[in-house]
Amino acid sequence: MTAISVKNLQEELRTLMAEAFNIPIEDLPRQSTPDNTKGWDSLSHLVFIAMLEQRYGLSISHSDAVTLLDERDIITYVTTKNMEKSID
């Protein structure tokens, strides 16, 4: 992943979330979580994690995947992993 602004990352993540959760992007609440997002269940979460891995070239461990349940935490995670990849 090339350098990307937080705003662009948030837009990309929201697009991926809408696709994974099979809902229109305009129906995604701001600061989406499984509790406030229609369609965000355990299966769609796995789909979303796979989409994150593919889009950003990540390998997300199970222990990390189960903690990525908040849009803000996901942005932080992807940003941090991207920075780590840049250093390597």
N, C-alpha and C. Protein backbone atom coordinates (compact mmCIF):
# COMPACT_ATOMS: atom_id res chain seq x y z
N MET A 1 0.85 -1.17 0.00
CA MET A 1 0.00 0.00 0.00
C MET A 1 0.89 1.23 0.00
N THR A 2 0.57 2.17 -0.84
CA THR A 2 1.31 3.42 -0.86
C THR A 2 0.78 4.33 0.24
N ALA A 3 1.50 5.42 0.45
CA ALA A 3 1.06 6.37 1.48
C ALA A 3 -0.35 6.84 1.16
N ILE A 4 -1.17 6.88 2.17
CA ILE A 4 -2.57 7.24 1.99
C ILE A 4 -3.01 8.07 3.19
N SER A 5 -3.81 9.07 2.92
CA SER A 5 -4.28 9.90 4.03
C SER A 5 -5.34 9.15 4.82
N VAL A 6 -5.52 9.55 6.06
CA VAL A 6 -6.52 8.92 6.92
C VAL A 6 -7.91 9.09 6.30
N LYS A 7 -8.17 10.24 5.72
CA LYS A 7 -9.47 10.49 5.10
C LYS A 7 -9.70 9.53 3.93
N ASN A 8 -8.69 9.37 3.06
CA ASN A 8 -8.82 8.44 1.95
C ASN A 8 -8.95 7.01 2.44
N LEU A 9 -8.19 6.66 3.46
CA LEU A 9 -8.27 5.33 4.04
C LEU A 9 -9.67 5.08 4.58
N GLN A 10 -10.22 6.05 5.28
CA GLN A 10 -11.57 5.89 5.83
C GLN A 10 -12.58 5.68 4.70
N GLU A 11 -12.45 6.43 3.62
CA GLU A 11 -13.36 6.27 2.49
C GLU A 11 -13.22 4.89 1.87
N GLU A 12 -11.98 4.42 1.69
CA GLU A 12 -11.75 3.08 1.15
C GLU A 12 -12.33 2.01 2.07
N LEU A 13 -12.08 2.15 3.37
CA LEU A 13 -12.59 1.16 4.32
C LEU A 13 -14.11 1.12 4.32
N ARG A 14 -14.74 2.26 4.24
CA ARG A 14 -16.20 2.31 4.22
C ARG A 14 -16.75 1.63 2.96
N THR A 15 -16.05 1.80 1.85
CA THR A 15 -16.45 1.12 0.61
C THR A 15 -16.33 -0.39 0.78
N LEU A 16 -15.21 -0.85 1.35
CA LEU A 16 -15.02 -2.28 1.60
C LEU A 16 -16.07 -2.82 2.57
N MET A 17 -16.35 -2.05 3.61
CA MET A 17 -17.33 -2.47 4.61
C MET A 17 -18.71 -2.63 3.96
N ALA A 18 -19.11 -1.65 3.16
CA ALA A 18 -20.41 -1.73 2.51
C ALA A 18 -20.50 -2.97 1.63
N GLU A 19 -19.42 -3.26 0.92
CA GLU A 19 -19.41 -4.45 0.07
C GLU A 19 -19.45 -5.74 0.91
N ALA A 20 -18.62 -5.80 1.94
CA ALA A 20 -18.56 -7.01 2.78
C ALA A 20 -19.87 -7.25 3.52
N PHE A 21 -20.49 -6.18 3.99
CA PHE A 21 -21.71 -6.31 4.79
C PHE A 21 -22.97 -6.24 3.94
N ASN A 22 -22.76 -6.09 2.62
CA ASN A 22 -23.85 -6.13 1.65
C ASN A 22 -24.92 -5.08 1.94
N ILE A 23 -24.46 -3.85 2.18
CA ILE A 23 -25.39 -2.75 2.42
C ILE A 23 -24.91 -1.52 1.63
N PRO A 24 -25.82 -0.62 1.30
CA PRO A 24 -25.39 0.61 0.63
C PRO A 24 -24.48 1.42 1.55
N ILE A 25 -23.48 2.05 0.97
CA ILE A 25 -22.52 2.80 1.78
C ILE A 25 -23.21 3.89 2.59
N GLU A 26 -24.28 4.46 2.05
CA GLU A 26 -24.98 5.52 2.79
C GLU A 26 -25.70 4.99 4.03
N ASP A 27 -25.87 3.66 4.13
CA ASP A 27 -26.49 3.06 5.31
C ASP A 27 -25.48 2.72 6.40
N LEU A 28 -24.18 2.89 6.12
CA LEU A 28 -23.15 2.64 7.14
C LEU A 28 -23.14 3.79 8.13
N PRO A 29 -23.31 3.49 9.41
CA PRO A 29 -23.22 4.56 10.40
C PRO A 29 -21.78 5.08 10.50
N ARG A 30 -21.64 6.31 10.89
CA ARG A 30 -20.30 6.83 11.17
C ARG A 30 -19.78 6.06 12.38
N GLN A 31 -18.50 5.74 12.35
CA GLN A 31 -17.88 4.93 13.41
C GLN A 31 -18.61 3.59 13.55
N SER A 32 -18.66 2.87 12.45
CA SER A 32 -19.34 1.57 12.40
C SER A 32 -18.73 0.56 13.36
N THR A 33 -19.59 -0.23 13.96
CA THR A 33 -19.23 -1.37 14.79
C THR A 33 -20.23 -2.48 14.48
N PRO A 34 -19.97 -3.70 14.91
CA PRO A 34 -20.97 -4.76 14.70
C PRO A 34 -22.30 -4.46 15.38
N ASP A 35 -22.28 -3.71 16.46
CA ASP A 35 -23.52 -3.40 17.19
C ASP A 35 -24.41 -2.39 16.47
N ASN A 36 -23.82 -1.53 15.64
CA ASN A 36 -24.64 -0.51 15.01
C ASN A 36 -24.70 -0.62 13.48
N THR A 37 -24.16 -1.71 12.93
CA THR A 37 -24.09 -1.86 11.48
C THR A 37 -24.85 -3.09 11.02
N LYS A 38 -25.90 -2.86 10.28
CA LYS A 38 -26.69 -3.96 9.71
C LYS A 38 -25.78 -4.80 8.80
N GLY A 39 -25.86 -6.11 8.95
CA GLY A 39 -25.09 -7.00 8.09
C GLY A 39 -23.72 -7.36 8.60
N TRP A 40 -23.25 -6.72 9.67
CA TRP A 40 -21.92 -7.03 10.21
C TRP A 40 -22.08 -8.16 11.21
N ASP A 41 -21.94 -9.38 10.71
CA ASP A 41 -22.00 -10.57 11.56
C ASP A 41 -20.66 -11.31 11.44
N SER A 42 -20.58 -12.48 12.05
CA SER A 42 -19.28 -13.18 12.09
C SER A 42 -18.80 -13.58 10.69
N LEU A 43 -19.70 -14.00 9.83
CA LEU A 43 -19.29 -14.40 8.48
C LEU A 43 -18.85 -13.19 7.66
N SER A 44 -19.63 -12.12 7.70
CA SER A 44 -19.26 -10.94 6.93
C SER A 44 -17.98 -10.30 7.49
N HIS A 45 -17.74 -10.48 8.77
CA HIS A 45 -16.49 -9.97 9.36
C HIS A 45 -15.30 -10.70 8.74
N LEU A 46 -15.41 -12.01 8.57
CA LEU A 46 -14.33 -12.78 7.93
C LEU A 46 -14.12 -12.32 6.49
N VAL A 47 -15.22 -12.08 5.79
CA VAL A 47 -15.12 -11.57 4.42
C VAL A 47 -14.40 -10.23 4.42
N PHE A 48 -14.78 -9.36 5.33
CA PHE A 48 -14.16 -8.04 5.44
C PHE A 48 -12.66 -8.15 5.74
N ILE A 49 -12.29 -9.01 6.65
CA ILE A 49 -10.87 -9.21 6.99
C ILE A 49 -10.11 -9.67 5.75
N ALA A 50 -10.68 -10.61 5.01
CA ALA A 50 -10.03 -11.10 3.78
C ALA A 50 -9.89 -9.96 2.76
N MET A 51 -10.88 -9.10 2.68
CA MET A 51 -10.80 -7.96 1.77
C MET A 51 -9.71 -6.99 2.20
N LEU A 52 -9.58 -6.76 3.51
CA LEU A 52 -8.50 -5.91 4.01
C LEU A 52 -7.14 -6.50 3.65
N GLU A 53 -7.00 -7.80 3.86
CA GLU A 53 -5.72 -8.45 3.55
C GLU A 53 -5.37 -8.29 2.08
N GLN A 54 -6.35 -8.50 1.23
CA GLN A 54 -6.09 -8.41 -0.21
C GLN A 54 -5.81 -6.97 -0.63
N ARG A 55 -6.61 -6.03 -0.18
CA ARG A 55 -6.48 -4.64 -0.61
C ARG A 55 -5.18 -4.01 -0.13
N TYR A 56 -4.79 -4.31 1.10
CA TYR A 56 -3.62 -3.64 1.68
C TYR A 56 -2.40 -4.54 1.81
N GLY A 57 -2.46 -5.75 1.26
CA GLY A 57 -1.31 -6.65 1.29
C GLY A 57 -0.92 -7.06 2.69
N LEU A 58 -1.93 -7.25 3.55
CA LEU A 58 -1.68 -7.61 4.95
C LEU A 58 -1.91 -9.09 5.18
N SER A 59 -1.33 -9.60 6.24
CA SER A 59 -1.65 -10.92 6.76
C SER A 59 -2.13 -10.68 8.19
N ILE A 60 -3.44 -10.77 8.37
CA ILE A 60 -4.05 -10.44 9.66
C ILE A 60 -4.25 -11.71 10.46
N SER A 61 -3.62 -11.79 11.61
CA SER A 61 -3.74 -12.97 12.47
C SER A 61 -5.15 -13.06 13.04
N HIS A 62 -5.52 -14.25 13.46
CA HIS A 62 -6.83 -14.45 14.08
C HIS A 62 -6.96 -13.57 15.33
N SER A 63 -5.89 -13.51 16.11
CA SER A 63 -5.96 -12.71 17.34
C SER A 63 -6.15 -11.22 17.04
N ASP A 64 -5.61 -10.75 15.93
CA ASP A 64 -5.86 -9.36 15.53
C ASP A 64 -7.26 -9.21 14.94
N ALA A 65 -7.66 -10.15 14.11
CA ALA A 65 -8.96 -10.06 13.42
C ALA A 65 -10.12 -9.92 14.40
N VAL A 66 -10.05 -10.63 15.51
CA VAL A 66 -11.17 -10.59 16.46
C VAL A 66 -11.23 -9.28 17.24
N THR A 67 -10.17 -8.47 17.14
CA THR A 67 -10.18 -7.17 17.83
C THR A 67 -10.57 -6.02 16.90
N LEU A 68 -10.65 -6.28 15.62
CA LEU A 68 -10.94 -5.23 14.65
C LEU A 68 -12.44 -5.07 14.49
N LEU A 69 -13.05 -4.47 15.51
CA LEU A 69 -14.51 -4.37 15.58
C LEU A 69 -15.01 -2.93 15.68
N ASP A 70 -14.17 -2.02 15.28
CA ASP A 70 -14.53 -0.60 15.35
C ASP A 70 -13.81 0.10 14.20
N GLU A 71 -14.52 0.92 13.49
CA GLU A 71 -13.94 1.59 12.32
C GLU A 71 -12.66 2.34 12.67
N ARG A 72 -12.64 3.01 13.79
CA ARG A 72 -11.45 3.77 14.21
C ARG A 72 -10.27 2.83 14.47
N ASP A 73 -10.52 1.69 15.14
CA ASP A 73 -9.45 0.72 15.40
C ASP A 73 -8.92 0.12 14.11
N ILE A 74 -9.80 -0.09 13.14
CA ILE A 74 -9.38 -0.66 11.86
C ILE A 74 -8.47 0.33 11.12
N ILE A 75 -8.83 1.60 11.14
CA ILE A 75 -7.99 2.62 10.50
C ILE A 75 -6.62 2.66 11.16
N THR A 76 -6.59 2.63 12.48
CA THR A 76 -5.31 2.63 13.21
C THR A 76 -4.49 1.40 12.86
N TYR A 77 -5.14 0.24 12.83
CA TYR A 77 -4.44 -1.01 12.54
C TYR A 77 -3.82 -0.98 11.14
N VAL A 78 -4.62 -0.62 10.14
CA VAL A 78 -4.12 -0.61 8.76
C VAL A 78 -3.00 0.41 8.61
N THR A 79 -3.15 1.57 9.22
CA THR A 79 -2.12 2.61 9.15
C THR A 79 -0.82 2.12 9.80
N THR A 80 -0.93 1.52 10.96
CA THR A 80 0.24 1.01 11.67
C THR A 80 0.93 -0.08 10.87
N LYS A 81 0.17 -1.03 10.36
CA LYS A 81 0.76 -2.12 9.59
C LYS A 81 1.40 -1.59 8.31
N ASN A 82 0.80 -0.58 7.69
CA ASN A 82 1.38 0.01 6.50
C ASN A 82 2.71 0.67 6.83
N MET A 83 2.78 1.36 7.96
CA MET A 83 4.03 2.01 8.39
C MET A 83 5.09 0.95 8.67
N GLU A 84 4.72 -0.16 9.30
CA GLU A 84 5.67 -1.23 9.58
C GLU A 84 6.22 -1.81 8.30
N LYS A 85 5.35 -1.99 7.29
CA LYS A 85 5.80 -2.52 6.00
C LYS A 85 6.76 -1.57 5.32
N SER A 86 6.55 -0.26 5.49
CA SER A 86 7.41 0.75 4.88
C SER A 86 8.81 0.70 5.48
N ILE A 87 8.89 0.39 6.76
CA ILE A 87 10.17 0.35 7.47
C ILE A 87 10.97 -0.89 7.07
N ASP A 88 10.26 -2.01 6.88
CA ASP A 88 10.94 -3.27 6.51
C ASP A 88 11.55 -3.15 5.19
